[in-house]
Amino acid sequence: MEDQIKKFLLEPTIQKTLVIIVCLFIIWLIIKTIQRNLFTKIKDSDNRYRAKKFSSFFGYILTILMLTIVFSDQLGGLTVALGVAGAGIAFAMQEIIASFAGWVAIMFGGFYKIGDRVQLGGIKGDVMDIGVIRTTIMETGQWVDGDLYNGRIVLIANSFVFKEPVFNYSGDFPFLWDEIKIPIQYGSNYDLANEILEQVGKDVAGDLSQLSLEKWKSLQNKYRLEEAQTDPMVSLIANDNWVEYTLRYIVNYKKRRITKTTLFTQILKKVEATNGQVKFASATFQLVDAPDFKVKITKDEQ
């Protein structure tokens, strides 16, 4: 019995299998221990996530390196077979290969990072995880108005970064320009209406003007960009029904909805306080009576 056990353990395949099992256990035991005891002490969630991802990736590299060393004596004979099968495997796994290439581009090309709000493959939301094959997104919008979460988690292949535009709402410039339109009746005090909108814009969104301008300056040092207007700005046009004022302002990409609510609330209060000097307009329809028709009937002569 003992001889059979020794003979079994002395088999090259069995020895290599045991070496692989022991090495895998040691590698991943060390990595998991480091992740639990060291990385959990990192306070910044983004850095903690990156550290865990890097350690896992390093573990895969060590695993591949260990398998290469263990089976190094057999790699020569596999070269021809792998070369023949390589073309077929590449064709069958082209989407996976493209997704892996997309992952490399995302990690080193700065397309987006964890926590960014992006639109990728027609899906908009916040990036939760960047895997080797897929990016995980917490979706916003769809049946929910505004930029609020709808609770749906979407997995998108990384290969989409090569196929479609990647919209990043929070990259180097984490602000957006937004607008609201206010219809004012003809005959109102136009200067007062303009003053109200400018004041409300400064009160609600004016604090971001300087901060966003500094971010814009940083972008200009990195890219070819013109100067930008970051202070709240009011413009108007006159149409057939009313005078339409547009208030343009800078807003944090996560606070578009609440900022609009605050702006509209203050504008409503200030317009009502003008005691009729400024009035909101609404669509009106004027019904016009049909014109009178005079009909003269003459008797034909006999």
Protein backbone atom coordinates (compact mmCIF):
# COMPACT_ATOMS: atom_id res chain seq x y z
CA MET A 1 0.00 0.00 0.00
CA GLU A 2 2.81 2.35 0.94
CA ASP A 3 4.64 1.55 -2.29
CA GLN A 4 1.54 2.36 -4.30
CA ILE A 5 1.15 5.68 -2.49
CA LYS A 6 4.80 6.56 -3.07
CA LYS A 7 4.52 5.55 -6.72
CA PHE A 8 1.39 7.67 -7.05
CA LEU A 9 3.02 10.71 -5.44
CA LEU A 10 6.15 10.32 -7.57
CA GLU A 11 4.13 10.66 -10.79
CA PRO A 12 5.26 13.90 -12.52
CA THR A 13 1.68 14.98 -13.21
CA ILE A 14 0.62 14.45 -9.60
CA GLN A 15 3.67 16.31 -8.30
CA LYS A 16 2.96 19.25 -10.57
CA THR A 17 -0.70 19.29 -9.53
CA LEU A 18 0.26 19.31 -5.84
CA VAL A 19 2.77 22.12 -6.45
CA ILE A 20 0.10 24.14 -8.24
CA ILE A 21 -2.43 23.64 -5.42
CA VAL A 22 0.05 24.59 -2.71
CA CYS A 23 1.32 27.63 -4.62
CA LEU A 24 -2.21 28.84 -5.41
CA PHE A 25 -3.17 28.48 -1.75
CA ILE A 26 -0.12 30.44 -0.58
CA ILE A 27 -0.47 33.21 -3.21
CA TRP A 28 -4.15 33.91 -2.59
CA LEU A 29 -3.87 33.47 1.18
CA ILE A 30 -1.25 36.24 1.24
CA ILE A 31 -3.30 38.50 -1.05
CA LYS A 32 -6.56 38.05 0.87
CA THR A 33 -4.77 38.64 4.18
CA ILE A 34 -3.29 41.88 2.88
CA GLN A 35 -6.69 43.00 1.54
CA ARG A 36 -8.44 42.31 4.88
CA ASN A 37 -5.82 43.62 7.27
CA LEU A 38 -4.07 46.38 5.31
CA PHE A 39 -6.33 47.76 2.60
CA THR A 40 -9.36 48.07 4.89
CA LYS A 41 -7.46 50.77 6.80
CA ILE A 42 -7.32 53.01 3.72
CA LYS A 43 -9.94 55.71 4.37
CA ASP A 44 -10.40 56.99 0.83
CA SER A 45 -12.84 54.63 -0.91
CA ASP A 46 -11.37 55.26 -4.36
CA ASN A 47 -7.82 54.47 -3.26
CA ARG A 48 -9.04 51.43 -1.31
CA TYR A 49 -10.82 50.11 -4.39
CA ARG A 50 -7.77 50.66 -6.61
CA ALA A 51 -5.51 48.90 -4.09
CA LYS A 52 -7.79 45.83 -3.98
CA LYS A 53 -8.04 45.73 -7.76
CA PHE A 54 -4.28 46.00 -8.16
CA SER A 55 -3.62 43.27 -5.59
CA SER A 56 -6.07 40.91 -7.33
CA PHE A 57 -4.50 41.65 -10.71
CA PHE A 58 -1.05 41.01 -9.22
CA GLY A 59 -2.35 37.68 -7.90
CA TYR A 60 -3.44 36.65 -11.41
CA ILE A 61 -0.02 37.59 -12.77
CA LEU A 62 1.71 35.46 -10.11
CA THR A 63 -0.65 32.57 -10.88
CA ILE A 64 0.13 32.69 -14.61
CA LEU A 65 3.85 32.98 -13.86
CA MET A 66 3.71 29.98 -11.54
CA LEU A 67 1.85 27.85 -14.11
CA THR A 68 4.39 28.85 -16.75
CA ILE A 69 7.29 27.75 -14.53
CA VAL A 70 5.65 24.46 -13.55
CA PHE A 71 4.82 23.46 -17.12
CA SER A 72 7.90 25.04 -18.73
CA ASP A 73 9.21 21.64 -19.91
CA GLN A 74 6.02 21.02 -21.87
CA LEU A 75 5.62 24.44 -23.49
CA GLY A 76 7.89 23.61 -26.42
CA GLY A 77 5.66 20.83 -27.66
CA LEU A 78 2.57 22.98 -27.29
CA THR A 79 3.86 25.83 -29.44
CA VAL A 80 2.70 24.40 -32.77
CA ALA A 81 -0.68 23.32 -31.42
CA LEU A 82 -1.27 26.72 -29.82
CA GLY A 83 -0.27 28.48 -33.04
CA VAL A 84 -2.80 26.48 -35.07
CA ALA A 85 -5.56 26.94 -32.52
CA GLY A 86 -4.71 30.61 -31.91
CA ALA A 87 -6.48 31.94 -35.00
CA GLY A 88 -9.68 30.04 -34.23
CA ILE A 89 -9.63 31.05 -30.58
CA ALA A 90 -9.01 34.69 -31.48
CA PHE A 91 -11.98 34.68 -33.86
CA ALA A 92 -14.29 32.96 -31.39
CA MET A 93 -13.25 35.23 -28.51
CA GLN A 94 -12.91 38.50 -30.43
CA GLU A 95 -15.47 40.27 -28.23
CA ILE A 96 -13.66 39.15 -25.07
CA ILE A 97 -10.32 40.22 -26.52
CA ALA A 98 -11.79 43.60 -27.52
CA SER A 99 -13.24 44.00 -24.01
CA PHE A 100 -9.86 43.21 -22.46
CA ALA A 101 -8.23 45.77 -24.77
CA GLY A 102 -10.96 48.21 -23.72
CA TRP A 103 -10.12 47.55 -20.06
CA VAL A 104 -6.46 48.35 -20.75
CA ALA A 105 -7.52 51.55 -22.54
CA ILE A 106 -9.82 52.54 -19.65
CA MET A 107 -7.20 51.92 -16.97
CA PHE A 108 -4.37 53.73 -18.75
CA GLY A 109 -6.18 56.03 -21.17
CA GLY A 110 -8.23 58.01 -18.65
CA PHE A 111 -11.64 57.37 -20.26
CA TYR A 112 -13.30 57.24 -16.82
CA LYS A 113 -12.71 55.98 -13.30
CA ILE A 114 -14.71 54.59 -10.40
CA GLY A 115 -17.36 57.08 -9.25
CA ASP A 116 -17.54 59.00 -12.54
CA ARG A 117 -20.93 59.66 -14.11
CA VAL A 118 -20.78 58.48 -17.71
CA GLN A 119 -22.94 57.60 -20.67
CA LEU A 120 -21.66 54.44 -22.27
CA GLY A 121 -23.41 52.29 -24.84
CA GLY A 122 -26.56 54.39 -24.49
CA ILE A 123 -26.64 53.86 -20.69
CA LYS A 124 -26.10 56.76 -18.28
CA GLY A 125 -25.11 56.30 -14.66
CA ASP A 126 -22.32 56.16 -12.09
CA VAL A 127 -19.42 53.72 -12.53
CA MET A 128 -19.44 51.16 -9.70
CA ASP A 129 -16.75 48.79 -10.89
CA ILE A 130 -14.35 48.38 -13.81
CA GLY A 131 -13.74 44.70 -14.48
CA VAL A 132 -11.42 43.10 -16.99
CA ILE A 133 -14.35 42.36 -19.32
CA ARG A 134 -17.22 44.59 -18.20
CA THR A 135 -17.93 47.91 -16.51
CA THR A 136 -20.67 47.94 -13.87
CA ILE A 137 -22.91 51.04 -13.80
CA MET A 138 -25.68 52.17 -11.42
CA GLU A 139 -28.14 53.55 -13.94
CA THR A 140 -29.86 56.93 -13.76
CA GLY A 141 -32.83 58.27 -15.66
CA GLN A 142 -34.99 56.10 -17.96
CA TRP A 143 -38.41 55.94 -16.23
CA VAL A 144 -37.11 58.23 -13.45
CA ASP A 145 -36.99 61.95 -14.28
CA GLY A 146 -33.76 63.87 -13.80
CA ASP A 147 -30.36 62.45 -12.89
CA LEU A 148 -31.61 60.18 -10.10
CA TYR A 149 -30.82 56.49 -9.65
CA ASN A 150 -33.48 54.09 -10.86
CA GLY A 151 -31.98 51.12 -9.01
CA ARG A 152 -31.00 49.13 -12.10
CA ILE A 153 -27.42 47.82 -12.27
CA VAL A 154 -26.08 47.53 -15.83
CA LEU A 155 -23.07 45.55 -17.04
CA ILE A 156 -21.51 46.99 -20.20
CA ALA A 157 -18.72 45.39 -22.23
CA ASN A 158 -15.51 47.40 -22.14
CA SER A 159 -15.28 47.07 -25.92
CA PHE A 160 -17.88 49.86 -26.20
CA VAL A 161 -15.15 52.44 -25.62
CA PHE A 162 -13.94 51.65 -29.16
CA LYS A 163 -17.41 51.54 -30.75
CA GLU A 164 -19.31 54.52 -29.36
CA PRO A 165 -18.57 57.93 -27.81
CA VAL A 166 -17.89 57.93 -24.08
CA PHE A 167 -19.65 60.83 -22.32
CA ASN A 168 -18.01 61.69 -19.01
CA TYR A 169 -20.00 64.12 -16.83
CA SER A 170 -17.44 64.27 -14.03
CA GLY A 171 -13.94 63.86 -15.44
CA ASP A 172 -11.46 66.72 -15.42
CA PHE A 173 -14.34 69.22 -15.27
CA PRO A 174 -17.00 68.04 -12.78
CA PHE A 175 -19.48 70.80 -13.67
CA LEU A 176 -22.18 71.26 -16.29
CA TRP A 177 -23.79 74.26 -17.88
CA ASP A 178 -27.54 74.17 -17.49
CA GLU A 179 -30.39 76.51 -18.47
CA ILE A 180 -33.95 77.34 -17.46
CA LYS A 181 -36.39 79.30 -19.60
CA ILE A 182 -38.91 81.75 -18.12
CA PRO A 183 -41.79 83.16 -20.25
CA ILE A 184 -42.73 86.75 -19.30
CA GLN A 185 -45.81 88.62 -20.55
CA TYR A 186 -45.45 91.54 -22.94
CA GLY A 187 -45.86 94.82 -21.09
CA SER A 188 -43.99 93.64 -17.99
CA ASN A 189 -41.06 95.50 -16.47
CA TYR A 190 -38.32 93.86 -18.54
CA ASP A 191 -35.40 95.40 -16.64
CA LEU A 192 -36.84 94.19 -13.34
CA ALA A 193 -37.36 90.69 -14.75
CA ASN A 194 -33.74 90.60 -15.93
CA GLU A 195 -32.55 91.83 -12.53
CA ILE A 196 -34.56 89.17 -10.69
CA LEU A 197 -33.12 86.33 -12.79
CA GLU A 198 -29.55 87.60 -12.47
CA GLN A 199 -29.87 87.94 -8.69
CA VAL A 200 -31.42 84.51 -8.23
CA GLY A 201 -28.74 82.96 -10.44
CA LYS A 202 -25.98 84.52 -8.34
CA ASP A 203 -27.63 83.55 -5.05
CA VAL A 204 -28.15 79.90 -6.01
CA ALA A 205 -25.31 79.06 -8.41
CA GLY A 206 -22.87 81.94 -8.02
CA ASP A 207 -20.69 80.16 -5.47
CA LEU A 208 -19.56 77.67 -8.15
CA SER A 209 -18.44 80.36 -10.58
CA GLN A 210 -14.92 80.80 -9.19
CA LEU A 211 -14.37 77.11 -8.45
CA SER A 212 -15.51 76.07 -11.93
CA LEU A 213 -13.37 78.81 -13.49
CA GLU A 214 -10.29 77.41 -11.75
CA LYS A 215 -11.10 73.95 -13.09
CA TRP A 216 -11.58 75.42 -16.55
CA LYS A 217 -8.16 77.09 -16.34
CA SER A 218 -6.65 73.70 -15.54
CA LEU A 219 -8.34 72.26 -18.62
CA GLN A 220 -6.93 75.07 -20.74
CA ASN A 221 -3.43 74.10 -19.59
CA LYS A 222 -4.11 70.55 -20.77
CA TYR A 223 -6.24 71.08 -23.89
CA ARG A 224 -6.88 73.73 -26.55
CA LEU A 225 -9.91 75.59 -25.18
CA GLU A 226 -11.31 79.11 -25.37
CA GLU A 227 -12.33 81.24 -22.39
CA ALA A 228 -15.65 80.24 -20.80
CA GLN A 229 -18.40 82.23 -19.08
CA THR A 230 -18.91 80.64 -15.67
CA ASP A 231 -20.95 83.42 -14.04
CA PRO A 232 -24.76 83.18 -14.28
CA MET A 233 -25.93 84.83 -17.49
CA VAL A 234 -29.38 86.03 -18.66
CA SER A 235 -30.45 86.36 -22.28
CA LEU A 236 -33.84 86.91 -23.91
CA ILE A 237 -35.70 86.53 -27.17
CA ALA A 238 -39.13 87.80 -28.19
CA ASN A 239 -41.57 85.51 -29.97
CA ASP A 240 -45.25 85.64 -30.95
CA ASN A 241 -46.53 84.82 -27.47
CA TRP A 242 -44.14 86.21 -24.86
CA VAL A 243 -40.66 87.41 -23.98
CA GLU A 244 -38.56 84.34 -23.20
CA TYR A 245 -35.73 84.80 -20.69
CA THR A 246 -32.99 82.16 -20.43
CA LEU A 247 -30.90 81.82 -17.28
CA ARG A 248 -27.64 79.96 -17.93
CA TYR A 249 -25.56 78.82 -14.94
CA ILE A 250 -22.91 76.36 -13.74
CA VAL A 251 -24.03 73.40 -11.63
CA ASN A 252 -22.46 70.33 -10.06
CA TYR A 253 -23.19 67.31 -12.25
CA LYS A 254 -25.00 65.54 -9.36
CA LYS A 255 -27.18 68.52 -8.38
CA ARG A 256 -28.96 69.56 -11.58
CA ARG A 257 -32.45 68.65 -10.36
CA ILE A 258 -32.23 70.19 -6.88
CA THR A 259 -30.60 73.35 -8.30
CA LYS A 260 -33.45 73.81 -10.78
CA THR A 261 -35.99 73.37 -7.99
CA THR A 262 -34.28 76.05 -5.89
CA LEU A 263 -34.03 78.44 -8.84
CA PHE A 264 -37.68 78.10 -9.83
CA THR A 265 -38.82 78.45 -6.20
CA GLN A 266 -36.96 81.72 -5.68
CA ILE A 267 -37.99 83.10 -9.07
CA LEU A 268 -41.67 82.39 -8.34
CA LYS A 269 -41.46 84.18 -4.99
CA LYS A 270 -39.63 87.22 -6.36
CA VAL A 271 -41.94 87.60 -9.36
CA GLU A 272 -45.03 87.43 -7.14
CA ALA A 273 -43.47 90.10 -4.89
CA THR A 274 -43.39 92.59 -7.79
CA ASN A 275 -47.16 93.13 -7.45
CA GLY A 276 -47.82 92.69 -11.14
CA GLN A 277 -44.82 94.55 -12.54
CA VAL A 278 -43.55 91.25 -13.84
CA LYS A 279 -46.03 88.58 -14.97
CA PHE A 280 -45.52 85.06 -16.19
CA ALA A 281 -46.89 84.33 -19.64
CA SER A 282 -48.89 81.34 -20.76
CA ALA A 283 -50.10 80.09 -24.09
CA THR A 284 -53.27 81.96 -25.13
CA PHE A 285 -55.64 81.37 -28.00
CA GLN A 286 -57.84 84.05 -29.54
CA LEU A 287 -61.09 82.89 -31.08
CA VAL A 288 -62.11 85.05 -34.02
CA ASP A 289 -65.74 85.20 -35.15
CA ALA A 290 -66.50 84.26 -38.71
CA PRO A 291 -67.00 87.37 -40.89
CA ASP A 292 -70.48 88.38 -41.98
CA PHE A 293 -71.41 87.45 -45.50
CA LYS A 294 -73.87 89.62 -47.38
CA VAL A 295 -75.89 87.61 -49.84
CA LYS A 296 -78.14 89.37 -52.32
CA ILE A 297 -80.75 87.28 -54.03
CA THR A 298 -82.25 88.72 -57.19
CA LYS A 299 -85.22 87.46 -59.06
CA ASP A 300 -84.42 86.42 -62.56
CA GLU A 301 -86.39 88.39 -65.14
CA GLN A 302 -89.01 86.43 -67.00
